[in-house]
Amino acid sequence: MITHLNPASMPAPVAPLYAQISIAPAGALAFIAGQVAINAEGRLIGKDDHRLQAEQCFRNLKDALDALGVGTEHVVRMGLHVVRHSDELVGSVFEAGHAVFGQGWPVCASLFLGVEALGHADWLVEIDAVVSLPANSGALRLSE
């Protein structure tokens, strides 16, 4: 089980969507590459729309978790990178995540970073994650 800590000596998280520290049990980690708003058919979803792109990124992240056979409770770190960041985008990005994960939002150590550009001019959001795999995970057999 992953342990989340918010020590009293540190600032409280600004939202209940992350923890200051995530501790993964000893075992294997999976690193999910940055997910952009490209669907399984290779099409960009939500050109010029941060919210729609974020939702597709979260869908891709959920698909990766499903492929690993784990849930959001196994995510220990998530990085969110947003082009042309503004305060107004924070809410819409998190709304997109809640549309995909519902109450199962991956509470973990996280980073929300405004960036100048991503790997393609049409990409506005990219989300990556680190996942702690339980010892009995089928994903561990995938790597053998």
C-alpha atoms as a PDB file:
ATOM      1  CA  MET A   1       0.000   0.000   0.000  1.00  0.00           C
ATOM      2  CA  ILE A   2       1.249   3.471  -0.819  1.00  0.00           C
ATOM      3  CA  THR A   3       1.511   5.840   2.105  1.00  0.00           C
ATOM      4  CA  HIS A   4       0.768   9.542   1.690  1.00  0.00           C
ATOM      5  CA  LEU A   5       2.169  12.046   4.143  1.00  0.00           C
ATOM      6  CA  ASN A   6       1.440  15.706   4.744  1.00  0.00           C
ATOM      7  CA  PRO A   7       3.752  16.507   7.680  1.00  0.00           C
ATOM      8  CA  ALA A   8       2.596  19.300   9.985  1.00  0.00           C
ATOM      9  CA  SER A   9       6.009  20.929   9.467  1.00  0.00           C
ATOM     10  CA  MET A  10       5.196  21.425   5.769  1.00  0.00           C
ATOM     11  CA  PRO A  11       2.502  23.548   4.131  1.00  0.00           C
ATOM     12  CA  ALA A  12      -0.805  21.789   3.687  1.00  0.00           C
ATOM     13  CA  PRO A  13      -1.547  20.882   0.056  1.00  0.00           C
ATOM     14  CA  VAL A  14      -3.411  23.694  -1.696  1.00  0.00           C
ATOM     15  CA  ALA A  15      -6.008  21.122  -2.777  1.00  0.00           C
ATOM     16  CA  PRO A  16      -6.809  17.559  -1.704  1.00  0.00           C
ATOM     17  CA  LEU A  17      -5.571  16.361  -5.101  1.00  0.00           C
ATOM     18  CA  TYR A  18      -1.995  15.650  -4.020  1.00  0.00           C
ATOM     19  CA  ALA A  19       0.189  14.761  -1.063  1.00  0.00           C
ATOM     20  CA  GLN A  20       3.498  16.345  -0.088  1.00  0.00           C
ATOM     21  CA  ILE A  21       5.147  12.912   0.129  1.00  0.00           C
ATOM     22  CA  SER A  22       4.247   9.515  -1.359  1.00  0.00           C
ATOM     23  CA  ILE A  23       6.052   6.405  -0.124  1.00  0.00           C
ATOM     24  CA  ALA A  24       5.947   3.314  -2.308  1.00  0.00           C
ATOM     25  CA  PRO A  25       6.592  -0.107  -0.815  1.00  0.00           C
ATOM     26  CA  ALA A  26       9.756  -1.860  -1.914  1.00  0.00           C
ATOM     27  CA  GLY A  27       9.219  -3.370  -5.332  1.00  0.00           C
ATOM     28  CA  ALA A  28       9.044  -2.483  -8.979  1.00  0.00           C
ATOM     29  CA  LEU A  29       8.137   0.892 -10.375  1.00  0.00           C
ATOM     30  CA  ALA A  30       6.543   1.570 -13.750  1.00  0.00           C
ATOM     31  CA  PHE A  31       7.221   4.890 -15.460  1.00  0.00           C
ATOM     32  CA  ILE A  32       4.384   5.962 -17.743  1.00  0.00           C
ATOM     33  CA  ALA A  33       5.630   8.182 -20.545  1.00  0.00           C
ATOM     34  CA  GLY A  34       4.158  11.618 -21.066  1.00  0.00           C
ATOM     35  CA  GLN A  35       0.660  11.192 -22.466  1.00  0.00           C
ATOM     36  CA  VAL A  36      -0.631  13.754 -24.938  1.00  0.00           C
ATOM     37  CA  ALA A  37      -4.086  14.137 -26.500  1.00  0.00           C
ATOM     38  CA  ILE A  38      -3.620  11.486 -29.179  1.00  0.00           C
ATOM     39  CA  ASN A  39      -6.243   8.720 -29.132  1.00  0.00           C
ATOM     40  CA  ALA A  40      -5.750   5.038 -30.006  1.00  0.00           C
ATOM     41  CA  GLU A  41      -6.500   5.795 -33.662  1.00  0.00           C
ATOM     42  CA  GLY A  42      -3.676   8.367 -33.743  1.00  0.00           C
ATOM     43  CA  ARG A  43      -5.942  11.430 -33.902  1.00  0.00           C
ATOM     44  CA  LEU A  44      -5.399  14.606 -31.893  1.00  0.00           C
ATOM     45  CA  ILE A  45      -8.354  15.270 -29.606  1.00  0.00           C
ATOM     46  CA  GLY A  46      -9.250  18.867 -28.714  1.00  0.00           C
ATOM     47  CA  LYS A  47      -7.112  21.023 -30.977  1.00  0.00           C
ATOM     48  CA  ASP A  48      -6.712  24.418 -29.247  1.00  0.00           C
ATOM     49  CA  ASP A  49      -8.714  23.198 -26.206  1.00  0.00           C
ATOM     50  CA  HIS A  50      -6.785  22.571 -22.980  1.00  0.00           C
ATOM     51  CA  ARG A  51      -9.717  20.868 -21.242  1.00  0.00           C
ATOM     52  CA  LEU A  52     -10.416  18.384 -24.032  1.00  0.00           C
ATOM     53  CA  GLN A  53      -6.729  17.638 -24.437  1.00  0.00           C
ATOM     54  CA  ALA A  54      -6.310  17.087 -20.689  1.00  0.00           C
ATOM     55  CA  GLU A  55      -9.243  14.671 -20.683  1.00  0.00           C
ATOM     56  CA  GLN A  56      -7.650  12.612 -23.475  1.00  0.00           C
ATOM     57  CA  CYS A  57      -4.307  12.636 -21.631  1.00  0.00           C
ATOM     58  CA  PHE A  58      -6.044  11.303 -18.511  1.00  0.00           C
ATOM     59  CA  ARG A  59      -7.852   8.659 -20.615  1.00  0.00           C
ATOM     60  CA  ASN A  60      -4.476   7.526 -21.969  1.00  0.00           C
ATOM     61  CA  LEU A  61      -3.080   7.450 -18.432  1.00  0.00           C
ATOM     62  CA  LYS A  62      -6.063   5.359 -17.288  1.00  0.00           C
ATOM     63  CA  ASP A  63      -5.490   2.976 -20.201  1.00  0.00           C
ATOM     64  CA  ALA A  64      -1.844   2.602 -19.129  1.00  0.00           C
ATOM     65  CA  LEU A  65      -2.910   1.849 -15.549  1.00  0.00           C
ATOM     66  CA  ASP A  66      -5.434  -0.701 -16.836  1.00  0.00           C
ATOM     67  CA  ALA A  67      -2.703  -2.334 -18.949  1.00  0.00           C
ATOM     68  CA  LEU A  68      -0.546  -2.603 -15.822  1.00  0.00           C
ATOM     69  CA  GLY A  69      -3.448  -4.088 -13.888  1.00  0.00           C
ATOM     70  CA  VAL A  70      -3.394  -1.386 -11.204  1.00  0.00           C
ATOM     71  CA  GLY A  71      -5.641   1.441 -10.080  1.00  0.00           C
ATOM     72  CA  THR A  72      -4.987   5.067  -9.330  1.00  0.00           C
ATOM     73  CA  GLU A  73      -4.071   4.185  -5.743  1.00  0.00           C
ATOM     74  CA  HIS A  74      -0.755   2.880  -7.131  1.00  0.00           C
ATOM     75  CA  VAL A  75       0.268   6.200  -8.704  1.00  0.00           C
ATOM     76  CA  VAL A  76       3.075   7.680  -6.601  1.00  0.00           C
ATOM     77  CA  ARG A  77       3.930  10.692  -8.772  1.00  0.00           C
ATOM     78  CA  MET A  78       2.222  12.547 -11.587  1.00  0.00           C
ATOM     79  CA  GLY A  79       3.555  15.387 -13.709  1.00  0.00           C
ATOM     80  CA  LEU A  80       1.185  17.726 -15.537  1.00  0.00           C
ATOM     81  CA  HIS A  81       2.708  20.036 -18.157  1.00  0.00           C
ATOM     82  CA  VAL A  82       0.503  22.761 -19.631  1.00  0.00           C
ATOM     83  CA  VAL A  83       1.329  25.124 -22.518  1.00  0.00           C
ATOM     84  CA  ARG A  84       0.283  28.777 -22.062  1.00  0.00           C
ATOM     85  CA  HIS A  85      -0.592  28.101 -18.432  1.00  0.00           C
ATOM     86  CA  SER A  86      -2.903  30.479 -16.609  1.00  0.00           C
ATOM     87  CA  ASP A  87      -4.639  30.228 -13.253  1.00  0.00           C
ATOM     88  CA  GLU A  88      -7.945  29.630 -15.037  1.00  0.00           C
ATOM     89  CA  LEU A  89      -6.608  26.432 -16.618  1.00  0.00           C
ATOM     90  CA  VAL A  90      -5.950  24.692 -13.303  1.00  0.00           C
ATOM     91  CA  GLY A  91      -9.639  24.071 -12.642  1.00  0.00           C
ATOM     92  CA  SER A  92     -10.385  22.860 -16.157  1.00  0.00           C
ATOM     93  CA  VAL A  93      -7.443  20.434 -16.142  1.00  0.00           C
ATOM     94  CA  PHE A  94      -8.553  18.940 -12.822  1.00  0.00           C
ATOM     95  CA  GLU A  95     -12.178  18.796 -14.044  1.00  0.00           C
ATOM     96  CA  ALA A  96     -10.927  16.765 -17.005  1.00  0.00           C
ATOM     97  CA  GLY A  97      -9.175  14.373 -14.628  1.00  0.00           C
ATOM     98  CA  HIS A  98     -12.284  13.971 -12.520  1.00  0.00           C
ATOM     99  CA  ALA A  99     -14.315  13.271 -15.672  1.00  0.00           C
ATOM    100  CA  VAL A 100     -12.038  10.284 -16.319  1.00  0.00           C
ATOM    101  CA  PHE A 101     -11.248   9.074 -12.796  1.00  0.00           C
ATOM    102  CA  GLY A 102     -14.310  10.221 -10.843  1.00  0.00           C
ATOM    103  CA  GLN A 103     -13.716   9.758  -7.127  1.00  0.00           C
ATOM    104  CA  GLY A 104     -10.649   7.649  -7.940  1.00  0.00           C
ATOM    105  CA  TRP A 105      -8.418  10.672  -8.592  1.00  0.00           C
ATOM    106  CA  PRO A 106      -4.760   9.608  -8.175  1.00  0.00           C
ATOM    107  CA  VAL A 107      -3.742  11.440  -4.990  1.00  0.00           C
ATOM    108  CA  CYS A 108       0.061  11.424  -5.072  1.00  0.00           C
ATOM    109  CA  ALA A 109       3.134  13.617  -5.136  1.00  0.00           C
ATOM    110  CA  SER A 110       2.569  15.799  -8.183  1.00  0.00           C
ATOM    111  CA  LEU A 111       3.838  18.640 -10.309  1.00  0.00           C
ATOM    112  CA  PHE A 112       1.696  21.101 -12.287  1.00  0.00           C
ATOM    113  CA  LEU A 113       4.013  23.053 -14.552  1.00  0.00           C
ATOM    114  CA  GLY A 114       3.405  25.746 -17.142  1.00  0.00           C
ATOM    115  CA  VAL A 115       5.680  25.248 -20.132  1.00  0.00           C
ATOM    116  CA  GLU A 116       6.459  27.195 -23.284  1.00  0.00           C
ATOM    117  CA  ALA A 117       5.966  24.268 -25.652  1.00  0.00           C
ATOM    118  CA  LEU A 118       5.696  20.486 -25.862  1.00  0.00           C
ATOM    119  CA  GLY A 119       6.940  18.109 -28.571  1.00  0.00           C
ATOM    120  CA  HIS A 120       4.410  19.276 -31.204  1.00  0.00           C
ATOM    121  CA  ALA A 121       2.876  22.711 -31.739  1.00  0.00           C
ATOM    122  CA  ASP A 122      -0.697  21.333 -31.396  1.00  0.00           C
ATOM    123  CA  TRP A 123      -0.070  19.652 -28.037  1.00  0.00           C
ATOM    124  CA  LEU A 124      -1.232  21.746 -25.073  1.00  0.00           C
ATOM    125  CA  VAL A 125      -1.118  19.208 -22.208  1.00  0.00           C
ATOM    126  CA  GLU A 126       1.169  16.302 -21.355  1.00  0.00           C
ATOM    127  CA  ILE A 127       0.822  14.068 -18.293  1.00  0.00           C
ATOM    128  CA  ASP A 128       3.289  11.445 -17.056  1.00  0.00           C
ATOM    129  CA  ALA A 129       3.222   9.186 -13.996  1.00  0.00           C
ATOM    130  CA  VAL A 130       5.235   6.836 -11.833  1.00  0.00           C
ATOM    131  CA  VAL A 131       3.397   3.776 -10.548  1.00  0.00           C
ATOM    132  CA  SER A 132       4.279   1.364  -7.742  1.00  0.00           C
ATOM    133  CA  LEU A 133       3.557  -2.185  -8.838  1.00  0.00           C
ATOM    134  CA  PRO A 134       2.394  -4.650  -6.184  1.00  0.00           C
ATOM    135  CA  ALA A 135       4.474  -7.831  -5.864  1.00  0.00           C
ATOM    136  CA  ASN A 136       1.655  -9.933  -7.326  1.00  0.00           C
ATOM    137  CA  SER A 137       1.157  -7.627 -10.319  1.00  0.00           C
ATOM    138  CA  GLY A 138       0.773  -9.227 -13.722  1.00  0.00           C
ATOM    139  CA  ALA A 139       2.717  -6.254 -15.064  1.00  0.00           C
ATOM    140  CA  LEU A 140       5.865  -7.645 -13.438  1.00  0.00           C
ATOM    141  CA  ARG A 141       5.529 -10.722 -15.649  1.00  0.00           C
ATOM    142  CA  LEU A 142       5.222  -8.487 -18.720  1.00  0.00           C
ATOM    143  CA  SER A 143       8.782  -7.289 -18.199  1.00  0.00           C
ATOM    144  CA  GLU A 144      10.301 -10.789 -17.873  1.00  0.00           C
END
